[in-house]
């Protein structure tokens, strides 16, 4: 149970550490983009959405931990700790790319998150 609570706490802490100023250091790939490419992204809104998403994921994990503690069913723990947060974050990733970027979405921007989700499901069965 403690690892689940620590994971949830880390998501909350990260949501407060991540700001538009620290995004260039904390967001993978953003700091390696050229200035022209960085200007295609509305980083202020992306960070706002990401912060809220990290807090929601922490809440999902905490709800899953409480339900697991109450019911003892491992499938509930798996769903709330692994699958729901992953699906939610992948969906938010695609949403923010579409809404807050003028960089066109490429096929791999959708294929890779779906492949990651399928891979995680397969290795945890």
C-alpha atoms as a PDB file:
ATOM      1  CA  UNK A   1       0.000   0.000   0.000  1.00  0.00           C
ATOM      2  CA  UNK A   2       2.848   2.404   0.788  1.00  0.00           C
ATOM      3  CA  UNK A   3       4.289   2.323  -2.761  1.00  0.00           C
ATOM      4  CA  UNK A   4       0.876   3.309  -4.114  1.00  0.00           C
ATOM      5  CA  UNK A   5       0.645   6.249  -1.708  1.00  0.00           C
ATOM      6  CA  UNK A   6       4.210   7.328  -2.512  1.00  0.00           C
ATOM      7  CA  UNK A   7       3.446   7.189  -6.240  1.00  0.00           C
ATOM      8  CA  UNK A   8       0.369   9.328  -5.737  1.00  0.00           C
ATOM      9  CA  UNK A   9       2.344  11.824  -3.655  1.00  0.00           C
ATOM     10  CA  UNK A  10       5.032  12.023  -6.354  1.00  0.00           C
ATOM     11  CA  UNK A  11       2.412  12.893  -8.972  1.00  0.00           C
ATOM     12  CA  UNK A  12       1.084  15.688  -6.756  1.00  0.00           C
ATOM     13  CA  UNK A  13       4.578  17.027  -6.005  1.00  0.00           C
ATOM     14  CA  UNK A  14       5.514  16.946  -9.684  1.00  0.00           C
ATOM     15  CA  UNK A  15       2.358  18.873 -10.554  1.00  0.00           C
ATOM     16  CA  UNK A  16       3.528  21.746  -8.337  1.00  0.00           C
ATOM     17  CA  UNK A  17       7.147  21.644  -9.535  1.00  0.00           C
ATOM     18  CA  UNK A  18       6.188  21.834 -13.204  1.00  0.00           C
ATOM     19  CA  UNK A  19       5.737  25.448 -14.330  1.00  0.00           C
ATOM     20  CA  UNK A  20       6.106  27.099 -17.738  1.00  0.00           C
ATOM     21  CA  UNK A  21       9.620  28.173 -16.658  1.00  0.00           C
ATOM     22  CA  UNK A  22      10.704  24.688 -15.551  1.00  0.00           C
ATOM     23  CA  UNK A  23       8.955  22.956 -18.462  1.00  0.00           C
ATOM     24  CA  UNK A  24      11.936  23.437 -20.741  1.00  0.00           C
ATOM     25  CA  UNK A  25      13.987  21.320 -18.331  1.00  0.00           C
ATOM     26  CA  UNK A  26      11.370  18.810 -17.173  1.00  0.00           C
ATOM     27  CA  UNK A  27       9.376  17.974 -20.307  1.00  0.00           C
ATOM     28  CA  UNK A  28      11.088  15.330 -22.392  1.00  0.00           C
ATOM     29  CA  UNK A  29      11.971  16.545 -25.852  1.00  0.00           C
ATOM     30  CA  UNK A  30      10.880  20.151 -25.366  1.00  0.00           C
ATOM     31  CA  UNK A  31      14.359  21.366 -24.417  1.00  0.00           C
ATOM     32  CA  UNK A  32      15.928  19.709 -27.465  1.00  0.00           C
ATOM     33  CA  UNK A  33      13.528  21.347 -29.920  1.00  0.00           C
ATOM     34  CA  UNK A  34      14.639  24.316 -31.952  1.00  0.00           C
ATOM     35  CA  UNK A  35      13.265  27.725 -30.947  1.00  0.00           C
ATOM     36  CA  UNK A  36      11.045  27.701 -34.038  1.00  0.00           C
ATOM     37  CA  UNK A  37       9.577  24.324 -33.100  1.00  0.00           C
ATOM     38  CA  UNK A  38       9.059  25.387 -29.457  1.00  0.00           C
ATOM     39  CA  UNK A  39       7.025  28.365 -30.665  1.00  0.00           C
ATOM     40  CA  UNK A  40       4.528  25.945 -32.228  1.00  0.00           C
ATOM     41  CA  UNK A  41       3.466  24.870 -28.723  1.00  0.00           C
ATOM     42  CA  UNK A  42       1.401  26.904 -26.243  1.00  0.00           C
ATOM     43  CA  UNK A  43       3.507  25.760 -23.306  1.00  0.00           C
ATOM     44  CA  UNK A  44       1.568  27.794 -20.723  1.00  0.00           C
ATOM     45  CA  UNK A  45      -1.690  25.958 -21.446  1.00  0.00           C
ATOM     46  CA  UNK A  46       0.043  22.612 -21.929  1.00  0.00           C
ATOM     47  CA  UNK A  47       1.635  22.917 -18.471  1.00  0.00           C
ATOM     48  CA  UNK A  48      -1.717  23.944 -16.943  1.00  0.00           C
ATOM     49  CA  UNK A  49      -3.437  20.894 -18.455  1.00  0.00           C
ATOM     50  CA  UNK A  50      -0.544  18.620 -17.452  1.00  0.00           C
ATOM     51  CA  UNK A  51      -0.594  19.883 -13.847  1.00  0.00           C
ATOM     52  CA  UNK A  52      -4.317  19.241 -13.564  1.00  0.00           C
ATOM     53  CA  UNK A  53      -3.866  15.835 -15.198  1.00  0.00           C
ATOM     54  CA  UNK A  54      -1.151  14.815 -12.734  1.00  0.00           C
ATOM     55  CA  UNK A  55      -3.415  15.763  -9.835  1.00  0.00           C
ATOM     56  CA  UNK A  56      -6.306  13.797 -11.344  1.00  0.00           C
ATOM     57  CA  UNK A  57      -4.045  10.764 -11.799  1.00  0.00           C
ATOM     58  CA  UNK A  58      -2.967  11.036  -8.155  1.00  0.00           C
ATOM     59  CA  UNK A  59      -6.638  11.098  -7.164  1.00  0.00           C
ATOM     60  CA  UNK A  60      -7.424   8.078  -9.374  1.00  0.00           C
ATOM     61  CA  UNK A  61      -4.565   6.166  -7.745  1.00  0.00           C
ATOM     62  CA  UNK A  62      -5.737   7.113  -4.242  1.00  0.00           C
ATOM     63  CA  UNK A  63      -9.299   6.044  -5.030  1.00  0.00           C
ATOM     64  CA  UNK A  64      -7.943   2.756  -6.367  1.00  0.00           C
ATOM     65  CA  UNK A  65      -5.867   2.240  -3.229  1.00  0.00           C
ATOM     66  CA  UNK A  66      -8.896   2.868  -1.024  1.00  0.00           C
ATOM     67  CA  UNK A  67     -11.086   0.518  -3.065  1.00  0.00           C
ATOM     68  CA  UNK A  68      -8.369  -2.154  -3.003  1.00  0.00           C
ATOM     69  CA  UNK A  69      -7.973  -1.793   0.760  1.00  0.00           C
ATOM     70  CA  UNK A  70     -11.735  -2.075   1.203  1.00  0.00           C
ATOM     71  CA  UNK A  71     -12.360  -4.959  -1.226  1.00  0.00           C
ATOM     72  CA  UNK A  72      -9.039  -6.793  -1.376  1.00  0.00           C
ATOM     73  CA  UNK A  73      -9.500  -7.384  -5.120  1.00  0.00           C
ATOM     74  CA  UNK A  74      -6.209  -7.096  -6.971  1.00  0.00           C
ATOM     75  CA  UNK A  75      -7.961  -6.355 -10.265  1.00  0.00           C
ATOM     76  CA  UNK A  76      -9.252  -3.089  -8.782  1.00  0.00           C
ATOM     77  CA  UNK A  77      -5.716  -2.138  -7.784  1.00  0.00           C
ATOM     78  CA  UNK A  78      -4.430  -2.954 -11.270  1.00  0.00           C
ATOM     79  CA  UNK A  79      -7.165  -0.993 -13.009  1.00  0.00           C
ATOM     80  CA  UNK A  80      -6.873   2.122 -10.826  1.00  0.00           C
ATOM     81  CA  UNK A  81      -3.101   2.150 -10.412  1.00  0.00           C
ATOM     82  CA  UNK A  82      -1.979   1.129 -13.907  1.00  0.00           C
ATOM     83  CA  UNK A  83      -4.640   1.140 -16.586  1.00  0.00           C
ATOM     84  CA  UNK A  84      -6.842   4.162 -15.818  1.00  0.00           C
ATOM     85  CA  UNK A  85      -3.936   6.577 -15.204  1.00  0.00           C
ATOM     86  CA  UNK A  86      -2.177   5.378 -18.348  1.00  0.00           C
ATOM     87  CA  UNK A  87      -5.276   5.697 -20.535  1.00  0.00           C
ATOM     88  CA  UNK A  88      -6.042   9.101 -19.032  1.00  0.00           C
ATOM     89  CA  UNK A  89      -2.511  10.477 -19.547  1.00  0.00           C
ATOM     90  CA  UNK A  90      -2.281   9.127 -23.094  1.00  0.00           C
ATOM     91  CA  UNK A  91      -5.618  10.748 -23.902  1.00  0.00           C
ATOM     92  CA  UNK A  92      -4.500  14.052 -22.394  1.00  0.00           C
ATOM     93  CA  UNK A  93      -1.289  13.843 -24.406  1.00  0.00           C
ATOM     94  CA  UNK A  94      -3.203  13.527 -27.676  1.00  0.00           C
ATOM     95  CA  UNK A  95      -5.720  16.214 -26.633  1.00  0.00           C
ATOM     96  CA  UNK A  96      -3.055  18.801 -25.747  1.00  0.00           C
ATOM     97  CA  UNK A  97      -1.147  18.104 -28.952  1.00  0.00           C
ATOM     98  CA  UNK A  98      -4.319  18.753 -30.979  1.00  0.00           C
ATOM     99  CA  UNK A  99      -5.579  21.756 -29.023  1.00  0.00           C
ATOM    100  CA  UNK A 100      -2.430  23.636 -27.963  1.00  0.00           C
ATOM    101  CA  UNK A 101      -0.038  23.050 -30.827  1.00  0.00           C
ATOM    102  CA  UNK A 102       0.140  24.245 -34.393  1.00  0.00           C
ATOM    103  CA  UNK A 103       2.534  21.389 -35.132  1.00  0.00           C
ATOM    104  CA  UNK A 104       0.427  18.926 -37.150  1.00  0.00           C
ATOM    105  CA  UNK A 105      -0.324  15.542 -35.602  1.00  0.00           C
ATOM    106  CA  UNK A 106       1.576  12.744 -37.295  1.00  0.00           C
ATOM    107  CA  UNK A 107       0.321   9.147 -37.387  1.00  0.00           C
ATOM    108  CA  UNK A 108       2.920   8.026 -34.839  1.00  0.00           C
ATOM    109  CA  UNK A 109       1.570  10.600 -32.354  1.00  0.00           C
ATOM    110  CA  UNK A 110      -1.493   8.368 -32.052  1.00  0.00           C
ATOM    111  CA  UNK A 111      -0.024   4.954 -32.897  1.00  0.00           C
ATOM    112  CA  UNK A 112       2.749   5.057 -30.275  1.00  0.00           C
ATOM    113  CA  UNK A 113       0.459   5.818 -27.284  1.00  0.00           C
ATOM    114  CA  UNK A 114      -1.909   3.040 -28.353  1.00  0.00           C
ATOM    115  CA  UNK A 115       1.038   0.653 -28.758  1.00  0.00           C
ATOM    116  CA  UNK A 116       2.312   1.587 -25.280  1.00  0.00           C
ATOM    117  CA  UNK A 117      -1.125   0.911 -23.801  1.00  0.00           C
ATOM    118  CA  UNK A 118      -1.396  -2.475 -25.524  1.00  0.00           C
ATOM    119  CA  UNK A 119       2.139  -3.383 -24.419  1.00  0.00           C
ATOM    120  CA  UNK A 120       1.436  -2.504 -20.780  1.00  0.00           C
ATOM    121  CA  UNK A 121      -1.781  -4.493 -20.796  1.00  0.00           C
ATOM    122  CA  UNK A 122      -0.059  -7.509 -22.342  1.00  0.00           C
ATOM    123  CA  UNK A 123       2.861  -7.574 -19.908  1.00  0.00           C
ATOM    124  CA  UNK A 124       0.601  -7.226 -16.880  1.00  0.00           C
ATOM    125  CA  UNK A 125      -1.866  -9.978 -17.749  1.00  0.00           C
END
